[in-house]
Amino acid sequence: MLRLDAASLLNQQGTVSAGTDLTAKVSGDLNNAGLLYAGRHQQLTVGGLLNNSGSIASVNNTHITAGKVTSSGLLGAGVKADGSLGTAGDLTINADGVLQASGQNLAAGSATLTGSSVDLSGSQTGAANIAITATTGDVQTNKAVISASNLLAIT
């Protein structure tokens, strides 16, 4: 298990990996251009902006809570070390502000994406079940590919 507690975290093309669980609590901003990977579960709690142009993934569940999320990279759950999807793993992203994820948002199980507004424009978003919720604003999916093999709910 790897636990990180920091005022801010900057990962520029590095690898932060845990054989089992990865837990990070960042009171400010987390900027990731590298790899944050957990061999089991990953939980990120970010007080400010989570800015991701790299990969944030786990073999099982990935849970992200942040003030705001901007991602052009991979946000994944159920992702094997070779990058392929396994058979289980839920992706949960809760942003108090805007959730903007234009990269790959993938889960082997369910994906729950929540923000004041949610912009998935240009993304590849896929899971068995997908729930997208904008609490006060709009959900935007311009030029996105959103694929749910079971249930897709947008509110």
N, C-alpha and C. Protein backbone atom coordinates (compact mmCIF):
# COMPACT_ATOMS: atom_id res chain seq x y z
N MET A 1 0.85 -1.17 0.00
CA MET A 1 0.00 0.00 0.00
C MET A 1 0.89 1.24 0.00
N LEU A 2 0.50 2.21 -0.80
CA LEU A 2 1.23 3.48 -0.88
C LEU A 2 0.26 4.59 -0.52
N ARG A 3 0.67 5.42 0.46
CA ARG A 3 -0.17 6.54 0.89
C ARG A 3 0.64 7.82 0.73
N LEU A 4 0.04 8.80 0.04
CA LEU A 4 0.67 10.10 -0.17
C LEU A 4 -0.21 11.18 0.45
N ASP A 5 0.41 12.06 1.22
CA ASP A 5 -0.27 13.24 1.76
C ASP A 5 0.60 14.44 1.40
N ALA A 6 0.02 15.40 0.65
CA ALA A 6 0.83 16.52 0.18
C ALA A 6 -0.03 17.76 0.00
N ALA A 7 0.64 18.93 0.02
CA ALA A 7 -0.04 20.18 -0.28
C ALA A 7 -0.32 20.27 -1.78
N SER A 8 0.62 19.78 -2.59
CA SER A 8 0.43 19.69 -4.04
C SER A 8 1.27 18.52 -4.54
N LEU A 9 0.92 18.02 -5.72
CA LEU A 9 1.65 16.89 -6.29
C LEU A 9 1.83 17.13 -7.78
N LEU A 10 3.08 17.05 -8.24
CA LEU A 10 3.41 17.23 -9.65
C LEU A 10 4.16 15.99 -10.12
N ASN A 11 3.57 15.26 -11.06
CA ASN A 11 4.20 14.07 -11.63
C ASN A 11 4.39 14.31 -13.12
N GLN A 12 5.62 14.65 -13.51
CA GLN A 12 5.93 14.92 -14.90
C GLN A 12 6.57 13.69 -15.53
N GLN A 13 5.78 12.88 -16.17
CA GLN A 13 6.24 11.70 -16.90
C GLN A 13 6.88 10.63 -16.02
N GLY A 14 6.67 10.72 -14.71
CA GLY A 14 7.17 9.70 -13.80
C GLY A 14 6.14 8.61 -13.60
N THR A 15 6.51 7.61 -12.80
CA THR A 15 5.61 6.52 -12.47
C THR A 15 5.47 6.43 -10.96
N VAL A 16 4.24 6.51 -10.49
CA VAL A 16 3.93 6.28 -9.08
C VAL A 16 3.03 5.05 -9.08
N SER A 17 3.54 3.94 -8.56
CA SER A 17 2.84 2.67 -8.67
C SER A 17 2.83 1.96 -7.33
N ALA A 18 1.70 1.31 -7.03
CA ALA A 18 1.57 0.51 -5.81
C ALA A 18 1.15 -0.90 -6.20
N GLY A 19 1.72 -1.89 -5.53
CA GLY A 19 1.35 -3.27 -5.79
C GLY A 19 -0.07 -3.58 -5.37
N THR A 20 -0.55 -2.88 -4.35
CA THR A 20 -1.94 -3.06 -3.90
C THR A 20 -2.67 -1.73 -4.03
N ASP A 21 -2.89 -1.02 -2.92
CA ASP A 21 -3.69 0.21 -2.94
C ASP A 21 -2.80 1.45 -3.03
N LEU A 22 -3.30 2.45 -3.75
CA LEU A 22 -2.67 3.77 -3.82
C LEU A 22 -3.69 4.78 -3.33
N THR A 23 -3.33 5.49 -2.27
CA THR A 23 -4.21 6.52 -1.71
C THR A 23 -3.43 7.82 -1.66
N ALA A 24 -4.00 8.88 -2.24
CA ALA A 24 -3.35 10.19 -2.21
C ALA A 24 -4.34 11.24 -1.74
N LYS A 25 -3.90 12.05 -0.78
CA LYS A 25 -4.68 13.20 -0.31
C LYS A 25 -3.84 14.43 -0.58
N VAL A 26 -4.34 15.28 -1.48
CA VAL A 26 -3.62 16.48 -1.88
C VAL A 26 -4.53 17.67 -1.58
N SER A 27 -4.07 18.57 -0.71
CA SER A 27 -4.93 19.69 -0.32
C SER A 27 -5.05 20.73 -1.42
N GLY A 28 -4.04 20.85 -2.28
CA GLY A 28 -4.06 21.79 -3.39
C GLY A 28 -4.34 21.09 -4.71
N ASP A 29 -3.43 21.32 -5.68
CA ASP A 29 -3.59 20.77 -7.02
C ASP A 29 -2.74 19.52 -7.22
N LEU A 30 -3.24 18.62 -8.07
CA LEU A 30 -2.49 17.44 -8.49
C LEU A 30 -2.36 17.50 -10.01
N ASN A 31 -1.12 17.59 -10.49
CA ASN A 31 -0.85 17.62 -11.92
C ASN A 31 -0.12 16.34 -12.29
N ASN A 32 -0.72 15.55 -13.17
CA ASN A 32 -0.14 14.26 -13.56
C ASN A 32 0.04 14.19 -15.07
N ALA A 33 1.30 14.08 -15.50
CA ALA A 33 1.60 13.84 -16.91
C ALA A 33 2.24 12.47 -17.07
N GLY A 34 2.34 11.73 -15.98
CA GLY A 34 2.95 10.40 -15.99
C GLY A 34 1.92 9.32 -15.72
N LEU A 35 2.29 8.39 -14.83
CA LEU A 35 1.43 7.26 -14.51
C LEU A 35 1.21 7.17 -13.01
N LEU A 36 -0.05 7.14 -12.60
CA LEU A 36 -0.44 6.81 -11.23
C LEU A 36 -1.22 5.51 -11.34
N TYR A 37 -0.67 4.41 -10.79
CA TYR A 37 -1.25 3.09 -11.03
C TYR A 37 -1.28 2.27 -9.74
N ALA A 38 -2.40 1.61 -9.52
CA ALA A 38 -2.56 0.75 -8.34
C ALA A 38 -2.86 -0.67 -8.77
N GLY A 39 -2.18 -1.62 -8.13
CA GLY A 39 -2.40 -3.04 -8.41
C GLY A 39 -3.72 -3.55 -7.86
N ARG A 40 -4.39 -2.74 -7.05
CA ARG A 40 -5.71 -3.10 -6.54
C ARG A 40 -6.62 -1.87 -6.67
N HIS A 41 -6.73 -1.05 -5.63
CA HIS A 41 -7.63 0.11 -5.64
C HIS A 41 -6.82 1.41 -5.59
N GLN A 42 -7.39 2.46 -6.20
CA GLN A 42 -6.78 3.78 -6.14
C GLN A 42 -7.82 4.78 -5.66
N GLN A 43 -7.42 5.63 -4.71
CA GLN A 43 -8.31 6.68 -4.22
C GLN A 43 -7.53 7.98 -4.17
N LEU A 44 -8.01 8.97 -4.93
CA LEU A 44 -7.39 10.29 -4.96
C LEU A 44 -8.38 11.30 -4.41
N THR A 45 -7.92 12.10 -3.45
CA THR A 45 -8.72 13.19 -2.92
C THR A 45 -7.91 14.46 -3.12
N VAL A 46 -8.44 15.37 -3.94
CA VAL A 46 -7.72 16.57 -4.34
C VAL A 46 -8.57 17.79 -3.99
N GLY A 47 -8.02 18.69 -3.18
CA GLY A 47 -8.78 19.87 -2.76
C GLY A 47 -8.98 20.87 -3.88
N GLY A 48 -8.02 20.96 -4.80
CA GLY A 48 -8.09 21.91 -5.90
C GLY A 48 -8.35 21.22 -7.22
N LEU A 49 -7.47 21.50 -8.18
CA LEU A 49 -7.59 20.98 -9.54
C LEU A 49 -6.82 19.67 -9.70
N LEU A 50 -7.47 18.68 -10.26
CA LEU A 50 -6.79 17.47 -10.74
C LEU A 50 -6.62 17.66 -12.24
N ASN A 51 -5.38 17.84 -12.69
CA ASN A 51 -5.07 18.03 -14.10
C ASN A 51 -4.29 16.81 -14.57
N ASN A 52 -4.87 16.03 -15.48
CA ASN A 52 -4.28 14.77 -15.92
C ASN A 52 -4.10 14.74 -17.43
N SER A 53 -2.85 14.61 -17.86
CA SER A 53 -2.59 14.35 -19.28
C SER A 53 -1.89 13.01 -19.44
N GLY A 54 -1.70 12.31 -18.34
CA GLY A 54 -1.08 10.98 -18.34
C GLY A 54 -2.12 9.90 -18.13
N SER A 55 -1.81 8.97 -17.21
CA SER A 55 -2.71 7.86 -16.92
C SER A 55 -2.91 7.72 -15.42
N ILE A 56 -4.17 7.63 -15.02
CA ILE A 56 -4.55 7.34 -13.65
C ILE A 56 -5.44 6.10 -13.73
N ALA A 57 -4.95 4.98 -13.18
CA ALA A 57 -5.69 3.73 -13.37
C ALA A 57 -5.39 2.74 -12.24
N SER A 58 -6.24 1.73 -12.16
CA SER A 58 -6.05 0.65 -11.18
C SER A 58 -6.59 -0.65 -11.75
N VAL A 59 -6.14 -1.76 -11.16
CA VAL A 59 -6.64 -3.07 -11.57
C VAL A 59 -8.09 -3.24 -11.14
N ASN A 60 -8.46 -2.67 -9.99
CA ASN A 60 -9.83 -2.76 -9.50
C ASN A 60 -10.51 -1.39 -9.59
N ASN A 61 -10.85 -0.79 -8.46
CA ASN A 61 -11.63 0.45 -8.45
C ASN A 61 -10.74 1.69 -8.38
N THR A 62 -11.16 2.73 -9.10
CA THR A 62 -10.51 4.03 -9.03
C THR A 62 -11.57 5.04 -8.59
N HIS A 63 -11.28 5.74 -7.48
CA HIS A 63 -12.22 6.72 -6.93
C HIS A 63 -11.49 8.06 -6.84
N ILE A 64 -12.05 9.07 -7.51
CA ILE A 64 -11.44 10.40 -7.53
C ILE A 64 -12.45 11.42 -7.03
N THR A 65 -12.02 12.21 -6.05
CA THR A 65 -12.81 13.34 -5.57
C THR A 65 -11.93 14.57 -5.70
N ALA A 66 -12.43 15.63 -6.35
CA ALA A 66 -11.61 16.82 -6.56
C ALA A 66 -12.48 18.06 -6.64
N GLY A 67 -11.84 19.21 -6.45
CA GLY A 67 -12.55 20.47 -6.63
C GLY A 67 -12.95 20.65 -8.09
N LYS A 68 -12.03 20.31 -8.98
CA LYS A 68 -12.25 20.41 -10.43
C LYS A 68 -11.38 19.36 -11.09
N VAL A 69 -11.85 18.79 -12.20
CA VAL A 69 -11.08 17.77 -12.93
C VAL A 69 -10.94 18.19 -14.39
N THR A 70 -9.70 18.18 -14.88
CA THR A 70 -9.41 18.38 -16.29
C THR A 70 -8.51 17.23 -16.72
N SER A 71 -8.97 16.42 -17.67
CA SER A 71 -8.18 15.27 -18.09
C SER A 71 -8.24 15.09 -19.61
N SER A 72 -7.05 14.98 -20.20
CA SER A 72 -6.95 14.63 -21.62
C SER A 72 -6.29 13.26 -21.77
N GLY A 73 -5.99 12.63 -20.64
CA GLY A 73 -5.34 11.32 -20.63
C GLY A 73 -6.31 10.22 -20.29
N LEU A 74 -5.79 9.18 -19.63
CA LEU A 74 -6.59 8.02 -19.25
C LEU A 74 -7.02 8.12 -17.79
N LEU A 75 -8.31 7.93 -17.56
CA LEU A 75 -8.87 7.72 -16.23
C LEU A 75 -9.51 6.34 -16.30
N GLY A 76 -8.96 5.37 -15.55
CA GLY A 76 -9.42 4.01 -15.75
C GLY A 76 -9.55 3.18 -14.49
N ALA A 77 -10.43 2.19 -14.57
CA ALA A 77 -10.62 1.20 -13.50
C ALA A 77 -10.79 -0.16 -14.16
N GLY A 78 -10.21 -1.18 -13.54
CA GLY A 78 -10.23 -2.50 -14.15
C GLY A 78 -9.20 -2.62 -15.25
N VAL A 79 -8.14 -1.80 -15.16
CA VAL A 79 -7.11 -1.77 -16.19
C VAL A 79 -5.93 -2.64 -15.76
N LYS A 80 -5.62 -3.64 -16.56
CA LYS A 80 -4.48 -4.52 -16.27
C LYS A 80 -3.17 -3.78 -16.54
N ALA A 81 -2.09 -4.33 -16.04
CA ALA A 81 -0.77 -3.72 -16.21
C ALA A 81 -0.39 -3.55 -17.68
N ASP A 82 -0.91 -4.42 -18.56
CA ASP A 82 -0.60 -4.30 -19.99
C ASP A 82 -1.50 -3.30 -20.71
N GLY A 83 -2.41 -2.64 -19.95
CA GLY A 83 -3.28 -1.63 -20.53
C GLY A 83 -4.63 -2.14 -20.99
N SER A 84 -4.82 -3.44 -21.01
CA SER A 84 -6.12 -3.99 -21.43
C SER A 84 -7.10 -3.95 -20.26
N LEU A 85 -8.39 -4.00 -20.59
CA LEU A 85 -9.42 -3.99 -19.55
C LEU A 85 -9.65 -5.40 -19.02
N GLY A 86 -9.82 -5.49 -17.71
CA GLY A 86 -10.13 -6.76 -17.07
C GLY A 86 -11.63 -7.00 -17.08
N THR A 87 -12.12 -7.68 -16.06
CA THR A 87 -13.54 -8.02 -16.00
C THR A 87 -14.29 -7.27 -14.91
N ALA A 88 -13.58 -6.56 -14.03
CA ALA A 88 -14.23 -5.83 -12.95
C ALA A 88 -13.42 -4.59 -12.61
N GLY A 89 -14.10 -3.60 -12.06
CA GLY A 89 -13.44 -2.36 -11.65
C GLY A 89 -14.33 -1.18 -11.97
N ASP A 90 -14.65 -0.40 -10.93
CA ASP A 90 -15.54 0.75 -11.09
C ASP A 90 -14.74 2.05 -11.04
N LEU A 91 -15.11 2.98 -11.92
CA LEU A 91 -14.51 4.31 -11.97
C LEU A 91 -15.52 5.30 -11.43
N THR A 92 -15.15 6.01 -10.37
CA THR A 92 -16.02 7.02 -9.77
C THR A 92 -15.26 8.33 -9.73
N ILE A 93 -15.82 9.37 -10.35
CA ILE A 93 -15.22 10.70 -10.33
C ILE A 93 -16.26 11.68 -9.85
N ASN A 94 -15.94 12.37 -8.75
CA ASN A 94 -16.81 13.41 -8.19
C ASN A 94 -16.04 14.71 -8.17
N ALA A 95 -16.51 15.70 -8.93
CA ALA A 95 -15.90 17.02 -8.94
C ALA A 95 -16.91 18.02 -8.38
N ASP A 96 -16.47 18.83 -7.42
CA ASP A 96 -17.34 19.89 -6.90
C ASP A 96 -17.65 20.90 -7.99
N GLY A 97 -16.66 21.19 -8.83
CA GLY A 97 -16.81 22.10 -9.95
C GLY A 97 -16.95 21.33 -11.25
N VAL A 98 -16.31 21.86 -12.28
CA VAL A 98 -16.40 21.29 -13.62
C VAL A 98 -15.60 19.99 -13.72
N LEU A 99 -16.21 19.00 -14.37
CA LEU A 99 -15.52 17.76 -14.74
C LEU A 99 -15.36 17.78 -16.25
N GLN A 100 -14.12 17.95 -16.72
CA GLN A 100 -13.82 17.99 -18.14
C GLN A 100 -12.85 16.86 -18.43
N ALA A 101 -13.30 15.86 -19.18
CA ALA A 101 -12.47 14.68 -19.45
C ALA A 101 -12.56 14.34 -20.93
N SER A 102 -11.58 14.81 -21.70
CA SER A 102 -11.61 14.65 -23.15
C SER A 102 -10.79 13.45 -23.64
N GLY A 103 -10.17 12.72 -22.72
CA GLY A 103 -9.34 11.57 -23.10
C GLY A 103 -10.12 10.27 -23.06
N GLN A 104 -9.50 9.24 -22.48
CA GLN A 104 -10.15 7.95 -22.32
C GLN A 104 -10.63 7.81 -20.88
N ASN A 105 -11.90 7.49 -20.73
CA ASN A 105 -12.52 7.26 -19.42
C ASN A 105 -13.10 5.86 -19.48
N LEU A 106 -12.39 4.89 -18.89
CA LEU A 106 -12.73 3.49 -19.11
C LEU A 106 -12.88 2.74 -17.79
N ALA A 107 -13.88 1.89 -17.73
CA ALA A 107 -14.07 1.01 -16.57
C ALA A 107 -14.55 -0.35 -17.06
N ALA A 108 -14.02 -1.40 -16.44
CA ALA A 108 -14.49 -2.74 -16.76
C ALA A 108 -15.89 -2.96 -16.18
N GLY A 109 -16.19 -2.27 -15.07
CA GLY A 109 -17.50 -2.36 -14.43
C GLY A 109 -18.33 -1.12 -14.74
N SER A 110 -18.58 -0.32 -13.71
CA SER A 110 -19.40 0.88 -13.86
C SER A 110 -18.55 2.14 -13.81
N ALA A 111 -19.02 3.18 -14.51
CA ALA A 111 -18.39 4.50 -14.46
C ALA A 111 -19.44 5.49 -13.98
N THR A 112 -19.11 6.23 -12.93
CA THR A 112 -20.00 7.26 -12.39
C THR A 112 -19.23 8.57 -12.45
N LEU A 113 -19.71 9.50 -13.28
CA LEU A 113 -19.01 10.76 -13.53
C LEU A 113 -19.92 11.91 -13.11
N THR A 114 -19.49 12.68 -12.10
CA THR A 114 -20.33 13.74 -11.54
C THR A 114 -19.54 15.03 -11.41
N GLY A 115 -20.17 16.14 -11.83
CA GLY A 115 -19.57 17.46 -11.66
C GLY A 115 -20.66 18.50 -11.71
N SER A 116 -20.32 19.76 -11.39
CA SER A 116 -21.31 20.82 -11.52
C SER A 116 -21.76 20.90 -12.98
N SER A 117 -20.81 20.75 -13.90
CA SER A 117 -21.10 20.49 -15.30
C SER A 117 -20.10 19.43 -15.75
N VAL A 118 -20.48 18.67 -16.77
CA VAL A 118 -19.63 17.57 -17.24
C VAL A 118 -19.41 17.74 -18.74
N ASP A 119 -18.14 17.83 -19.13
CA ASP A 119 -17.79 17.97 -20.54
C ASP A 119 -16.93 16.78 -20.95
N LEU A 120 -17.50 15.89 -21.73
CA LEU A 120 -16.80 14.71 -22.22
C LEU A 120 -16.49 14.84 -23.71
N SER A 121 -16.54 16.06 -24.23
CA SER A 121 -16.33 16.29 -25.66
C SER A 121 -15.00 15.71 -26.12
N GLY A 122 -15.07 14.95 -27.22
CA GLY A 122 -13.88 14.35 -27.80
C GLY A 122 -13.37 13.11 -27.09
N SER A 123 -14.05 12.70 -26.05
CA SER A 123 -13.56 11.57 -25.25
C SER A 123 -13.97 10.22 -25.83
N GLN A 124 -13.30 9.19 -25.33
CA GLN A 124 -13.73 7.81 -25.50
C GLN A 124 -14.08 7.34 -24.11
N THR A 125 -15.37 7.19 -23.85
CA THR A 125 -15.85 6.82 -22.53
C THR A 125 -16.60 5.50 -22.64
N GLY A 126 -16.14 4.50 -21.89
CA GLY A 126 -16.75 3.19 -22.00
C GLY A 126 -16.77 2.44 -20.69
N ALA A 127 -17.87 1.73 -20.45
CA ALA A 127 -18.04 0.89 -19.25
C ALA A 127 -19.27 0.03 -19.46
N ALA A 128 -19.46 -0.95 -18.59
CA ALA A 128 -20.68 -1.75 -18.65
C ALA A 128 -21.89 -0.88 -18.33
N ASN A 129 -21.77 -0.05 -17.31
CA ASN A 129 -22.82 0.89 -16.91
C ASN A 129 -22.18 2.26 -16.76
N ILE A 130 -22.84 3.29 -17.29
CA ILE A 130 -22.32 4.65 -17.19
C ILE A 130 -23.41 5.56 -16.65
N ALA A 131 -23.07 6.33 -15.61
CA ALA A 131 -23.96 7.36 -15.07
C ALA A 131 -23.22 8.68 -15.12
N ILE A 132 -23.78 9.65 -15.85
CA ILE A 132 -23.17 10.98 -15.98
C ILE A 132 -24.15 11.98 -15.38
N THR A 133 -23.68 12.76 -14.40
CA THR A 133 -24.55 13.70 -13.71
C THR A 133 -23.91 15.07 -13.64
N ALA A 134 -24.62 16.09 -14.14
CA ALA A 134 -24.23 17.49 -13.96
C ALA A 134 -25.18 18.07 -12.92
N THR A 135 -24.63 18.49 -11.78
CA THR A 135 -25.48 18.91 -10.66
C THR A 135 -26.14 20.26 -10.88
N THR A 136 -25.47 21.18 -11.61
CA THR A 136 -26.06 22.50 -11.84
C THR A 136 -25.99 22.95 -13.29
N GLY A 137 -25.10 22.37 -14.08
CA GLY A 137 -24.91 22.81 -15.45
C GLY A 137 -25.32 21.75 -16.45
N ASP A 138 -24.60 21.75 -17.57
CA ASP A 138 -24.92 20.88 -18.69
C ASP A 138 -23.95 19.70 -18.79
N VAL A 139 -24.39 18.69 -19.52
CA VAL A 139 -23.52 17.59 -19.95
C VAL A 139 -23.25 17.81 -21.43
N GLN A 140 -21.96 17.88 -21.80
CA GLN A 140 -21.57 18.07 -23.19
C GLN A 140 -20.83 16.83 -23.68
N THR A 141 -21.21 16.37 -24.87
CA THR A 141 -20.59 15.17 -25.43
C THR A 141 -20.23 15.36 -26.91
N ASN A 142 -19.87 16.58 -27.31
CA ASN A 142 -19.54 16.85 -28.70
C ASN A 142 -18.40 15.96 -29.18
N LYS A 143 -18.63 15.24 -30.26
CA LYS A 143 -17.63 14.37 -30.90
C LYS A 143 -17.06 13.32 -29.94
N ALA A 144 -17.83 12.94 -28.94
CA ALA A 144 -17.41 11.90 -28.00
C ALA A 144 -17.97 10.55 -28.45
N VAL A 145 -17.28 9.49 -28.07
CA VAL A 145 -17.79 8.14 -28.24
C VAL A 145 -18.06 7.61 -26.84
N ILE A 146 -19.34 7.42 -26.52
CA ILE A 146 -19.74 6.95 -25.20
C ILE A 146 -20.43 5.60 -25.40
N SER A 147 -19.85 4.56 -24.79
CA SER A 147 -20.34 3.21 -25.02
C SER A 147 -20.58 2.49 -23.70
N ALA A 148 -21.84 2.11 -23.48
CA ALA A 148 -22.22 1.33 -22.30
C ALA A 148 -22.86 0.04 -22.79
N SER A 149 -22.32 -1.09 -22.36
CA SER A 149 -22.88 -2.36 -22.81
C SER A 149 -24.21 -2.69 -22.12
N ASN A 150 -24.48 -2.06 -20.97
CA ASN A 150 -25.75 -2.29 -20.26
C ASN A 150 -26.57 -1.02 -20.16
N LEU A 151 -26.23 -0.14 -19.23
CA LEU A 151 -27.06 1.02 -18.90
C LEU A 151 -26.28 2.31 -19.06
N LEU A 152 -26.90 3.30 -19.73
CA LEU A 152 -26.35 4.65 -19.84
C LEU A 152 -27.39 5.61 -19.29
N ALA A 153 -27.01 6.38 -18.26
CA ALA A 153 -27.91 7.37 -17.66
C ALA A 153 -27.22 8.72 -17.65
N ILE A 154 -27.90 9.73 -18.20
CA ILE A 154 -27.36 11.09 -18.23
C ILE A 154 -28.39 12.01 -17.59
N THR A 155 -27.98 12.69 -16.51
CA THR A 155 -28.89 13.63 -15.84
C THR A 155 -28.18 14.94 -15.58
